Amino acid sequence: MTERYKLVWFVPEEALDATRDAVFAAGAGRIGDYERCSWYAAGTGTFFGRHGTSPSTGVPGREERVAELRVETVVPADRLEEVVAALLAAHPYEEVAYDVYPLA
């Protein structure tokens, strides 16, 4: 079996398709004979941008609460670097919150 990772990221709904398209084009989301496999659910993200930040939502110096989606997909180990780079390029946030977990 090929070594795989789970990639999780948090994104506003209006950027869901752009980020999914980017990671899938880079090689993520394949399970057996299926492509573009992912899972997502709604939640609320919070952040406080310090002086000098340029948040895509809200203003620096104030805690913000933003409706976001948590998105998950699988990534083969040999595509991980390219997939994360594609996510970062497609994501609208100045600082992208994402996690990578090895799968057993």
PDB file of N, CA and C in Angstrom:
ATOM      1  N   MET A   1       0.834  -1.174   0.000  1.00  0.00           N
ATOM      2  CA  MET A   1       0.000   0.000   0.000  1.00  0.00           C
ATOM      3  C   MET A   1       0.885   1.245   0.000  1.00  0.00           C
ATOM      4  N   THR A   2       0.494   2.237  -0.758  1.00  0.00           N
ATOM      5  CA  THR A   2       1.222   3.494  -0.857  1.00  0.00           C
ATOM      6  C   THR A   2       1.057   4.309   0.424  1.00  0.00           C
ATOM      7  N   GLU A   3       2.147   4.898   0.899  1.00  0.00           N
ATOM      8  CA  GLU A   3       2.075   5.763   2.068  1.00  0.00           C
ATOM      9  C   GLU A   3       1.225   6.989   1.735  1.00  0.00           C
ATOM     10  N   ARG A   4       0.275   7.318   2.649  1.00  0.00           N
ATOM     11  CA  ARG A   4      -0.627   8.449   2.411  1.00  0.00           C
ATOM     12  C   ARG A   4      -0.732   9.334   3.641  1.00  0.00           C
ATOM     13  N   TYR A   5      -1.193  10.542   3.402  1.00  0.00           N
ATOM     14  CA  TYR A   5      -1.437  11.523   4.447  1.00  0.00           C
ATOM     15  C   TYR A   5      -2.866  12.033   4.342  1.00  0.00           C
ATOM     16  N   LYS A   6      -3.367  12.548   5.458  1.00  0.00           N
ATOM     17  CA  LYS A   6      -4.641  13.262   5.461  1.00  0.00           C
ATOM     18  C   LYS A   6      -4.316  14.737   5.531  1.00  0.00           C
ATOM     19  N   LEU A   7      -4.816  15.510   4.581  1.00  0.00           N
ATOM     20  CA  LEU A   7      -4.660  16.957   4.571  1.00  0.00           C
ATOM     21  C   LEU A   7      -5.980  17.579   4.999  1.00  0.00           C
ATOM     22  N   VAL A   8      -5.919  18.465   5.986  1.00  0.00           N
ATOM     23  CA  VAL A   8      -7.088  19.163   6.507  1.00  0.00           C
ATOM     24  C   VAL A   8      -6.817  20.657   6.395  1.00  0.00           C
ATOM     25  N   TRP A   9      -7.799  21.407   5.868  1.00  0.00           N
ATOM     26  CA  TRP A   9      -7.647  22.854   5.833  1.00  0.00           C
ATOM     27  C   TRP A   9      -8.989  23.514   6.137  1.00  0.00           C
ATOM     28  N   PHE A  10      -8.910  24.813   6.440  1.00  0.00           N
ATOM     29  CA  PHE A  10     -10.064  25.599   6.844  1.00  0.00           C
ATOM     30  C   PHE A  10     -10.205  26.757   5.866  1.00  0.00           C
ATOM     31  N   VAL A  11     -11.422  26.930   5.321  1.00  0.00           N
ATOM     32  CA  VAL A  11     -11.590  27.863   4.208  1.00  0.00           C
ATOM     33  C   VAL A  11     -12.994  28.451   4.228  1.00  0.00           C
ATOM     34  N   PRO A  12     -13.152  29.730   3.808  1.00  0.00           N
ATOM     35  CA  PRO A  12     -14.501  30.260   3.669  1.00  0.00           C
ATOM     36  C   PRO A  12     -15.218  29.542   2.519  1.00  0.00           C
ATOM     37  N   GLU A  13     -16.523  29.419   2.619  1.00  0.00           N
ATOM     38  CA  GLU A  13     -17.295  28.652   1.639  1.00  0.00           C
ATOM     39  C   GLU A  13     -17.052  29.113   0.204  1.00  0.00           C
ATOM     40  N   GLU A  14     -16.895  30.412   0.004  1.00  0.00           N
ATOM     41  CA  GLU A  14     -16.725  30.917  -1.366  1.00  0.00           C
ATOM     42  C   GLU A  14     -15.402  30.474  -1.990  1.00  0.00           C
ATOM     43  N   ALA A  15     -14.460  29.990  -1.205  1.00  0.00           N
ATOM     44  CA  ALA A  15     -13.184  29.507  -1.740  1.00  0.00           C
ATOM     45  C   ALA A  15     -13.077  27.976  -1.710  1.00  0.00           C
ATOM     46  N   LEU A  16     -14.154  27.294  -1.340  1.00  0.00           N
ATOM     47  CA  LEU A  16     -14.129  25.828  -1.266  1.00  0.00           C
ATOM     48  C   LEU A  16     -13.743  25.202  -2.599  1.00  0.00           C
ATOM     49  N   ASP A  17     -14.446  25.545  -3.657  1.00  0.00           N
ATOM     50  CA  ASP A  17     -14.196  24.897  -4.949  1.00  0.00           C
ATOM     51  C   ASP A  17     -12.791  25.191  -5.482  1.00  0.00           C
ATOM     52  N   ALA A  18     -12.324  26.427  -5.309  1.00  0.00           N
ATOM     53  CA  ALA A  18     -10.985  26.772  -5.805  1.00  0.00           C
ATOM     54  C   ALA A  18      -9.909  25.969  -5.084  1.00  0.00           C
ATOM     55  N   THR A  19     -10.036  25.814  -3.764  1.00  0.00           N
ATOM     56  CA  THR A  19      -9.017  25.058  -3.031  1.00  0.00           C
ATOM     57  C   THR A  19      -9.116  23.568  -3.336  1.00  0.00           C
ATOM     58  N   ARG A  20     -10.327  23.032  -3.413  1.00  0.00           N
ATOM     59  CA  ARG A  20     -10.479  21.612  -3.761  1.00  0.00           C
ATOM     60  C   ARG A  20      -9.927  21.343  -5.162  1.00  0.00           C
ATOM     61  N   ASP A  21     -10.291  22.189  -6.132  1.00  0.00           N
ATOM     62  CA  ASP A  21      -9.788  22.004  -7.498  1.00  0.00           C
ATOM     63  C   ASP A  21      -8.258  22.001  -7.527  1.00  0.00           C
ATOM     64  N   ALA A  22      -7.652  22.904  -6.764  1.00  0.00           N
ATOM     65  CA  ALA A  22      -6.185  23.012  -6.762  1.00  0.00           C
ATOM     66  C   ALA A  22      -5.529  21.768  -6.182  1.00  0.00           C
ATOM     67  N   VAL A  23      -6.010  21.282  -5.040  1.00  0.00           N
ATOM     68  CA  VAL A  23      -5.365  20.109  -4.441  1.00  0.00           C
ATOM     69  C   VAL A  23      -5.630  18.850  -5.264  1.00  0.00           C
ATOM     70  N   PHE A  24      -6.802  18.749  -5.868  1.00  0.00           N
ATOM     71  CA  PHE A  24      -7.086  17.587  -6.706  1.00  0.00           C
ATOM     72  C   PHE A  24      -6.212  17.605  -7.961  1.00  0.00           C
ATOM     73  N   ALA A  25      -6.043  18.761  -8.568  1.00  0.00           N
ATOM     74  CA  ALA A  25      -5.191  18.868  -9.763  1.00  0.00           C
ATOM     75  C   ALA A  25      -3.738  18.517  -9.440  1.00  0.00           C
ATOM     76  N   ALA A  26      -3.320  18.754  -8.193  1.00  0.00           N
ATOM     77  CA  ALA A  26      -1.943  18.456  -7.773  1.00  0.00           C
ATOM     78  C   ALA A  26      -1.757  16.998  -7.353  1.00  0.00           C
ATOM     79  N   GLY A  27      -2.828  16.211  -7.310  1.00  0.00           N
ATOM     80  CA  GLY A  27      -2.692  14.785  -7.030  1.00  0.00           C
ATOM     81  C   GLY A  27      -3.373  14.265  -5.784  1.00  0.00           C
ATOM     82  N   ALA A  28      -4.126  15.096  -5.082  1.00  0.00           N
ATOM     83  CA  ALA A  28      -4.832  14.645  -3.875  1.00  0.00           C
ATOM     84  C   ALA A  28      -6.209  14.090  -4.226  1.00  0.00           C
ATOM     85  N   GLY A  29      -6.816  13.421  -3.235  1.00  0.00           N
ATOM     86  CA  GLY A  29      -8.208  13.021  -3.348  1.00  0.00           C
ATOM     87  C   GLY A  29      -8.496  11.731  -4.086  1.00  0.00           C
ATOM     88  N   ARG A  30      -7.498  10.886  -4.257  1.00  0.00           N
ATOM     89  CA  ARG A  30      -7.733   9.616  -4.966  1.00  0.00           C
ATOM     90  C   ARG A  30      -7.783   8.467  -3.966  1.00  0.00           C
ATOM     91  N   ILE A  31      -8.879   7.714  -4.029  1.00  0.00           N
ATOM     92  CA  ILE A  31      -9.041   6.511  -3.210  1.00  0.00           C
ATOM     93  C   ILE A  31      -9.481   5.400  -4.155  1.00  0.00           C
ATOM     94  N   GLY A  32      -8.572   4.465  -4.418  1.00  0.00           N
ATOM     95  CA  GLY A  32      -8.870   3.389  -5.360  1.00  0.00           C
ATOM     96  C   GLY A  32      -9.193   3.961  -6.732  1.00  0.00           C
ATOM     97  N   ASP A  33     -10.342   3.578  -7.287  1.00  0.00           N
ATOM     98  CA  ASP A  33     -10.756   4.055  -8.607  1.00  0.00           C
ATOM     99  C   ASP A  33     -11.582   5.338  -8.533  1.00  0.00           C
ATOM    100  N   TYR A  34     -11.606   5.974  -7.371  1.00  0.00           N
ATOM    101  CA  TYR A  34     -12.380   7.205  -7.191  1.00  0.00           C
ATOM    102  C   TYR A  34     -11.445   8.406  -7.117  1.00  0.00           C
ATOM    103  N   GLU A  35     -11.876   9.525  -7.689  1.00  0.00           N
ATOM    104  CA  GLU A  35     -11.109  10.764  -7.663  1.00  0.00           C
ATOM    105  C   GLU A  35     -11.936  11.864  -7.012  1.00  0.00           C
ATOM    106  N   ARG A  36     -11.266  12.958  -6.617  1.00  0.00           N
ATOM    107  CA  ARG A  36     -11.901  14.132  -6.028  1.00  0.00           C
ATOM    108  C   ARG A  36     -12.660  13.770  -4.738  1.00  0.00           C
ATOM    109  N   CYS A  37     -12.099  12.838  -3.984  1.00  0.00           N
ATOM    110  CA  CYS A  37     -12.704  12.423  -2.718  1.00  0.00           C
ATOM    111  C   CYS A  37     -12.321  13.427  -1.628  1.00  0.00           C
ATOM    112  N   SER A  38     -13.318  13.911  -0.911  1.00  0.00           N
ATOM    113  CA  SER A  38     -13.078  14.809   0.209  1.00  0.00           C
ATOM    114  C   SER A  38     -14.276  14.778   1.139  1.00  0.00           C
ATOM    115  N   TRP A  39     -14.111  15.426   2.260  1.00  0.00           N
ATOM    116  CA  TRP A  39     -15.185  15.565   3.247  1.00  0.00           C
ATOM    117  C   TRP A  39     -15.081  16.964   3.796  1.00  0.00           C
ATOM    118  N   TYR A  40     -16.228  17.628   4.029  1.00  0.00           N
ATOM    119  CA  TYR A  40     -16.168  18.934   4.670  1.00  0.00           C
ATOM    120  C   TYR A  40     -17.396  19.177   5.533  1.00  0.00           C
ATOM    121  N   ALA A  41     -17.205  20.041   6.529  1.00  0.00           N
ATOM    122  CA  ALA A  41     -18.264  20.392   7.472  1.00  0.00           C
ATOM    123  C   ALA A  41     -18.076  21.847   7.889  1.00  0.00           C
ATOM    124  N   ALA A  42     -19.177  22.465   8.281  1.00  0.00           N
ATOM    125  CA  ALA A  42     -19.159  23.878   8.662  1.00  0.00           C
ATOM    126  C   ALA A  42     -18.759  24.068  10.119  1.00  0.00           C
ATOM    127  N   GLY A  43     -18.135  25.204  10.389  1.00  0.00           N
ATOM    128  CA  GLY A  43     -17.760  25.577  11.742  1.00  0.00           C
ATOM    129  C   GLY A  43     -17.431  27.060  11.786  1.00  0.00           C
ATOM    130  N   THR A  44     -16.870  27.487  12.892  1.00  0.00           N
ATOM    131  CA  THR A  44     -16.507  28.894  13.065  1.00  0.00           C
ATOM    132  C   THR A  44     -15.022  29.000  13.390  1.00  0.00           C
ATOM    133  N   GLY A  45     -14.318  29.759  12.598  1.00  0.00           N
ATOM    134  CA  GLY A  45     -12.906  30.025  12.851  1.00  0.00           C
ATOM    135  C   GLY A  45     -12.765  31.357  13.560  1.00  0.00           C
ATOM    136  N   THR A  46     -11.747  31.457  14.413  1.00  0.00           N
ATOM    137  CA  THR A  46     -11.484  32.721  15.093  1.00  0.00           C
ATOM    138  C   THR A  46     -10.024  33.102  14.896  1.00  0.00           C
ATOM    139  N   PHE A  47      -9.768  34.410  14.898  1.00  0.00           N
ATOM    140  CA  PHE A  47      -8.393  34.888  14.801  1.00  0.00           C
ATOM    141  C   PHE A  47      -8.329  36.339  15.256  1.00  0.00           C
ATOM    142  N   PHE A  48      -7.136  36.747  15.618  1.00  0.00           N
ATOM    143  CA  PHE A  48      -6.845  38.121  16.005  1.00  0.00           C
ATOM    144  C   PHE A  48      -5.617  38.554  15.214  1.00  0.00           C
ATOM    145  N   GLY A  49      -5.813  39.391  14.224  1.00  0.00           N
ATOM    146  CA  GLY A  49      -4.694  39.867  13.422  1.00  0.00           C
ATOM    147  C   GLY A  49      -3.953  40.985  14.139  1.00  0.00           C
ATOM    148  N   ARG A  50      -2.665  40.784  14.335  1.00  0.00           N
ATOM    149  CA  ARG A  50      -1.852  41.806  14.988  1.00  0.00           C
ATOM    150  C   ARG A  50      -1.550  42.946  14.015  1.00  0.00           C
ATOM    151  N   HIS A  51      -0.920  43.991  14.531  1.00  0.00           N
ATOM    152  CA  HIS A  51      -0.529  45.145  13.728  1.00  0.00           C
ATOM    153  C   HIS A  51       0.311  44.670  12.536  1.00  0.00           C
ATOM    154  N   GLY A  52       0.004  45.177  11.360  1.00  0.00           N
ATOM    155  CA  GLY A  52       0.760  44.823  10.166  1.00  0.00           C
ATOM    156  C   GLY A  52       0.159  43.684   9.361  1.00  0.00           C
ATOM    157  N   THR A  53      -0.898  43.048   9.872  1.00  0.00           N
ATOM    158  CA  THR A  53      -1.545  41.973   9.112  1.00  0.00           C
ATOM    159  C   THR A  53      -2.547  42.571   8.129  1.00  0.00           C
ATOM    160  N   SER A  54      -2.936  41.758   7.148  1.00  0.00           N
ATOM    161  CA  SER A  54      -3.940  42.153   6.152  1.00  0.00           C
ATOM    162  C   SER A  54      -4.967  41.038   6.010  1.00  0.00           C
ATOM    163  N   PRO A  55      -5.835  40.851   7.014  1.00  0.00           N
ATOM    164  CA  PRO A  55      -6.799  39.754   6.927  1.00  0.00           C
ATOM    165  C   PRO A  55      -7.780  39.952   5.772  1.00  0.00           C
ATOM    166  N   SER A  56      -8.173  38.856   5.138  1.00  0.00           N
ATOM    167  CA  SER A  56      -9.143  38.943   4.042  1.00  0.00           C
ATOM    168  C   SER A  56     -10.536  39.254   4.572  1.00  0.00           C
ATOM    169  N   THR A  57     -10.756  39.011   5.859  1.00  0.00           N
ATOM    170  CA  THR A  57     -12.015  39.330   6.529  1.00  0.00           C
ATOM    171  C   THR A  57     -11.682  40.042   7.828  1.00  0.00           C
ATOM    172  N   GLY A  58     -12.387  41.114   8.125  1.00  0.00           N
ATOM    173  CA  GLY A  58     -12.165  41.814   9.380  1.00  0.00           C
ATOM    174  C   GLY A  58     -11.013  42.797   9.300  1.00  0.00           C
ATOM    175  N   VAL A  59     -10.558  43.228  10.472  1.00  0.00           N
ATOM    176  CA  VAL A  59      -9.504  44.230  10.552  1.00  0.00           C
ATOM    177  C   VAL A  59      -8.475  43.820  11.598  1.00  0.00           C
ATOM    178  N   PRO A  60      -7.221  44.276  11.438  1.00  0.00           N
ATOM    179  CA  PRO A  60      -6.223  44.009  12.471  1.00  0.00           C
ATOM    180  C   PRO A  60      -6.632  44.652  13.803  1.00  0.00           C
ATOM    181  N   GLY A  61      -6.223  44.010  14.898  1.00  0.00           N
ATOM    182  CA  GLY A  61      -6.486  44.564  16.213  1.00  0.00           C
ATOM    183  C   GLY A  61      -7.827  44.215  16.811  1.00  0.00           C
ATOM    184  N   ARG A  62      -8.533  43.298  16.181  1.00  0.00           N
ATOM    185  CA  ARG A  62      -9.833  42.886  16.701  1.00  0.00           C
ATOM    186  C   ARG A  62     -10.020  41.378  16.461  1.00  0.00           C
ATOM    187  N   GLU A  63     -10.522  40.680  17.468  1.00  0.00           N
ATOM    188  CA  GLU A  63     -10.803  39.256  17.263  1.00  0.00           C
ATOM    189  C   GLU A  63     -11.980  39.114  16.313  1.00  0.00           C
ATOM    190  N   GLU A  64     -11.824  38.220  15.357  1.00  0.00           N
ATOM    191  CA  GLU A  64     -12.861  37.975  14.353  1.00  0.00           C
ATOM    192  C   GLU A  64     -13.384  36.551  14.487  1.00  0.00           C
ATOM    193  N   ARG A  65     -14.623  36.370  14.128  1.00  0.00           N
ATOM    194  CA  ARG A  65     -15.259  35.055  14.046  1.00  0.00           C
ATOM    195  C   ARG A  65     -15.801  34.910  12.639  1.00  0.00           C
ATOM    196  N   VAL A  66     -15.381  33.839  11.955  1.00  0.00           N
ATOM    197  CA  VAL A  66     -15.689  33.686  10.542  1.00  0.00           C
ATOM    198  C   VAL A  66     -16.271  32.301  10.278  1.00  0.00           C
ATOM    199  N   ALA A  67     -17.350  32.244   9.508  1.00  0.00           N
ATOM    200  CA  ALA A  67     -17.899  30.961   9.065  1.00  0.00           C
ATOM    201  C   ALA A  67     -16.907  30.322   8.097  1.00  0.00           C
ATOM    202  N   GLU A  68     -16.498  29.106   8.397  1.00  0.00           N
ATOM    203  CA  GLU A  68     -15.538  28.393   7.556  1.00  0.00           C
ATOM    204  C   GLU A  68     -15.971  26.943   7.386  1.00  0.00           C
ATOM    205  N   LEU A  69     -15.341  26.290   6.423  1.00  0.00           N
ATOM    206  CA  LEU A  69     -15.502  24.857   6.233  1.00  0.00           C
ATOM    207  C   LEU A  69     -14.187  24.174   6.579  1.00  0.00           C
ATOM    208  N   ARG A  70     -14.280  23.051   7.259  1.00  0.00           N
ATOM    209  CA  ARG A  70     -13.125  22.176   7.487  1.00  0.00           C
ATOM    210  C   ARG A  70     -13.175  21.146   6.361  1.00  0.00           C
ATOM    211  N   VAL A  71     -12.105  21.062   5.591  1.00  0.00           N
ATOM    212  CA  VAL A  71     -12.056  20.178   4.428  1.00  0.00           C
ATOM    213  C   VAL A  71     -10.962  19.145   4.657  1.00  0.00           C
ATOM    214  N   GLU A  72     -11.235  17.890   4.318  1.00  0.00           N
ATOM    215  CA  GLU A  72     -10.268  16.806   4.461  1.00  0.00           C
ATOM    216  C   GLU A  72     -10.167  16.020   3.159  1.00  0.00           C
ATOM    217  N   THR A  73      -8.964  15.586   2.855  1.00  0.00           N
ATOM    218  CA  THR A  73      -8.749  14.694   1.720  1.00  0.00           C
ATOM    219  C   THR A  73      -7.472  13.900   1.958  1.00  0.00           C
ATOM    220  N   VAL A  74      -7.245  12.903   1.140  1.00  0.00           N
ATOM    221  CA  VAL A  74      -6.039  12.074   1.243  1.00  0.00           C
ATOM    222  C   VAL A  74      -5.027  12.513   0.189  1.00  0.00           C
ATOM    223  N   VAL A  75      -3.743  12.321   0.537  1.00  0.00           N
ATOM    224  CA  VAL A  75      -2.654  12.731  -0.354  1.00  0.00           C
ATOM    225  C   VAL A  75      -1.591  11.638  -0.345  1.00  0.00           C
ATOM    226  N   PRO A  76      -1.173  11.149  -1.510  1.00  0.00           N
ATOM    227  CA  PRO A  76      -0.053  10.212  -1.524  1.00  0.00           C
ATOM    228  C   PRO A  76       1.229  10.925  -1.097  1.00  0.00           C
ATOM    229  N   ALA A  77       2.097  10.222  -0.396  1.00  0.00           N
ATOM    230  CA  ALA A  77       3.313  10.818   0.151  1.00  0.00           C
ATOM    231  C   ALA A  77       4.153  11.515  -0.918  1.00  0.00           C
ATOM    232  N   ASP A  78       4.214  10.933  -2.105  1.00  0.00           N
ATOM    233  CA  ASP A  78       5.069  11.518  -3.149  1.00  0.00           C
ATOM    234  C   ASP A  78       4.469  12.773  -3.781  1.00  0.00           C
ATOM    235  N   ARG A  79       3.242  13.149  -3.407  1.00  0.00           N
ATOM    236  CA  ARG A  79       2.601  14.356  -3.939  1.00  0.00           C
ATOM    237  C   ARG A  79       2.358  15.409  -2.858  1.00  0.00           C
ATOM    238  N   LEU A  80       2.752  15.120  -1.616  1.00  0.00           N
ATOM    239  CA  LEU A  80       2.405  15.999  -0.495  1.00  0.00           C
ATOM    240  C   LEU A  80       2.917  17.428  -0.680  1.00  0.00           C
ATOM    241  N   GLU A  81       4.156  17.593  -1.030  1.00  0.00           N
ATOM    242  CA  GLU A  81       4.729  18.935  -1.176  1.00  0.00           C
ATOM    243  C   GLU A  81       3.982  19.731  -2.251  1.00  0.00           C
ATOM    244  N   GLU A  82       3.707  19.106  -3.384  1.00  0.00           N
ATOM    245  CA  GLU A  82       3.016  19.788  -4.478  1.00  0.00           C
ATOM    246  C   GLU A  82       1.573  20.130  -4.099  1.00  0.00           C
ATOM    247  N   VAL A  83       0.921  19.224  -3.388  1.00  0.00           N
ATOM    248  CA  VAL A  83      -0.471  19.456  -2.992  1.00  0.00           C
ATOM    249  C   VAL A  83      -0.559  20.618  -2.002  1.00  0.00           C
ATOM    250  N   VAL A  84       0.311  20.648  -1.013  1.00  0.00           N
ATOM    251  CA  VAL A  84       0.290  21.755  -0.042  1.00  0.00           C
ATOM    252  C   VAL A  84       0.598  23.074  -0.749  1.00  0.00           C
ATOM    253  N   ALA A  85       1.549  23.083  -1.655  1.00  0.00           N
ATOM    254  CA  ALA A  85       1.860  24.306  -2.405  1.00  0.00           C
ATOM    255  C   ALA A  85       0.647  24.777  -3.209  1.00  0.00           C
ATOM    256  N   ALA A  86      -0.080  23.839  -3.816  1.00  0.00           N
ATOM    257  CA  ALA A  86      -1.284  24.192  -4.576  1.00  0.00           C
ATOM    258  C   ALA A  86      -2.362  24.770  -3.664  1.00  0.00           C
ATOM    259  N   LEU A  87      -2.526  24.175  -2.484  1.00  0.00           N
ATOM    260  CA  LEU A  87      -3.489  24.698  -1.514  1.00  0.00           C
ATOM    261  C   LEU A  87      -3.142  26.133  -1.137  1.00  0.00           C
ATOM    262  N   LEU A  88      -1.891  26.367  -0.781  1.00  0.00           N
ATOM    263  CA  LEU A  88      -1.469  27.702  -0.354  1.00  0.00           C
ATOM    264  C   LEU A  88      -1.660  28.737  -1.463  1.00  0.00           C
ATOM    265  N   ALA A  89      -1.397  28.351  -2.711  1.00  0.00           N
ATOM    266  CA  ALA A  89      -1.552  29.270  -3.837  1.00  0.00           C
ATOM    267  C   ALA A  89      -3.016  29.607  -4.113  1.00  0.00           C
ATOM    268  N   ALA A  90      -3.918  28.658  -3.870  1.00  0.00           N
ATOM    269  CA  ALA A  90      -5.334  28.857  -4.184  1.00  0.00           C
ATOM    270  C   ALA A  90      -6.129  29.476  -3.047  1.00  0.00           C
ATOM    271  N   HIS A  91      -5.582  29.453  -1.848  1.00  0.00           N
ATOM    272  CA  HIS A  91      -6.328  29.880  -0.658  1.00  0.00           C
ATOM    273  C   HIS A  91      -6.321  31.403  -0.527  1.00  0.00           C
ATOM    274  N   PRO A  92      -7.453  32.007  -0.128  1.00  0.00           N
ATOM    275  CA  PRO A  92      -7.506  33.470  -0.039  1.00  0.00           C
ATOM    276  C   PRO A  92      -6.876  34.075   1.218  1.00  0.00           C
ATOM    277  N   TYR A  93      -6.561  33.274   2.214  1.00  0.00           N
ATOM    278  CA  TYR A  93      -6.055  33.825   3.476  1.00  0.00           C
ATOM    279  C   TYR A  93      -4.567  34.159   3.404  1.00  0.00           C
ATOM    280  N   GLU A  94      -4.187  35.186   4.146  1.00  0.00           N
ATOM    281  CA  GLU A  94      -2.781  35.588   4.276  1.00  0.00           C
ATOM    282  C   GLU A  94      -1.974  34.485   4.966  1.00  0.00           C
ATOM    283  N   GLU A  95      -2.545  33.882   5.998  1.00  0.00           N
ATOM    284  CA  GLU A  95      -1.949  32.751   6.715  1.00  0.00           C
ATOM    285  C   GLU A  95      -2.957  31.600   6.665  1.00  0.00           C
ATOM    286  N   VAL A  96      -2.594  30.507   6.024  1.00  0.00           N
ATOM    287  CA  VAL A  96      -3.518  29.388   5.850  1.00  0.00           C
ATOM    288  C   VAL A  96      -3.354  28.390   6.990  1.00  0.00           C
ATOM    289  N   ALA A  97      -4.475  28.062   7.634  1.00  0.00           N
ATOM    290  CA  ALA A  97      -4.456  27.039   8.687  1.00  0.00           C
ATOM    291  C   ALA A  97      -4.699  25.681   8.035  1.00  0.00           C
ATOM    292  N   TYR A  98      -3.721  24.784   8.162  1.00  0.00           N
ATOM    293  CA  TYR A  98      -3.887  23.441   7.616  1.00  0.00           C
ATOM    294  C   TYR A  98      -3.092  22.466   8.472  1.00  0.00           C
ATOM    295  N   ASP A  99      -3.492  21.187   8.410  1.00  0.00           N
ATOM    296  CA  ASP A  99      -2.836  20.114   9.147  1.00  0.00           C
ATOM    297  C   ASP A  99      -2.539  18.976   8.181  1.00  0.00           C
ATOM    298  N   VAL A 100      -1.456  18.246   8.466  1.00  0.00           N
ATOM    299  CA  VAL A 100      -1.092  17.056   7.711  1.00  0.00           C
ATOM    300  C   VAL A 100      -0.887  15.922   8.710  1.00  0.00           C
ATOM    301  N   TYR A 101      -1.606  14.823   8.508  1.00  0.00           N
ATOM    302  CA  TYR A 101      -1.519  13.663   9.411  1.00  0.00           C
ATOM    303  C   TYR A 101      -1.102  12.434   8.612  1.00  0.00           C
ATOM    304  N   PRO A 102      -0.123  11.671   9.108  1.00  0.00           N
ATOM    305  CA  PRO A 102       0.202  10.404   8.441  1.00  0.00           C
ATOM    306  C   PRO A 102      -0.921   9.400   8.686  1.00  0.00           C
ATOM    307  N   LEU A 103      -1.228   8.607   7.679  1.00  0.00           N
ATOM    308  CA  LEU A 103      -2.254   7.574   7.794  1.00  0.00           C
ATOM    309  C   LEU A 103      -1.612   6.211   7.972  1.00  0.00           C
ATOM    310  N   ALA A 104      -2.170   5.406   8.855  1.00  0.00           N
ATOM    311  CA  ALA A 104      -1.655   4.061   9.096  1.00  0.00           C
ATOM    312  C   ALA A 104      -2.277   3.084   8.125  1.00  0.00           C
TER     313      ALA A 104
END
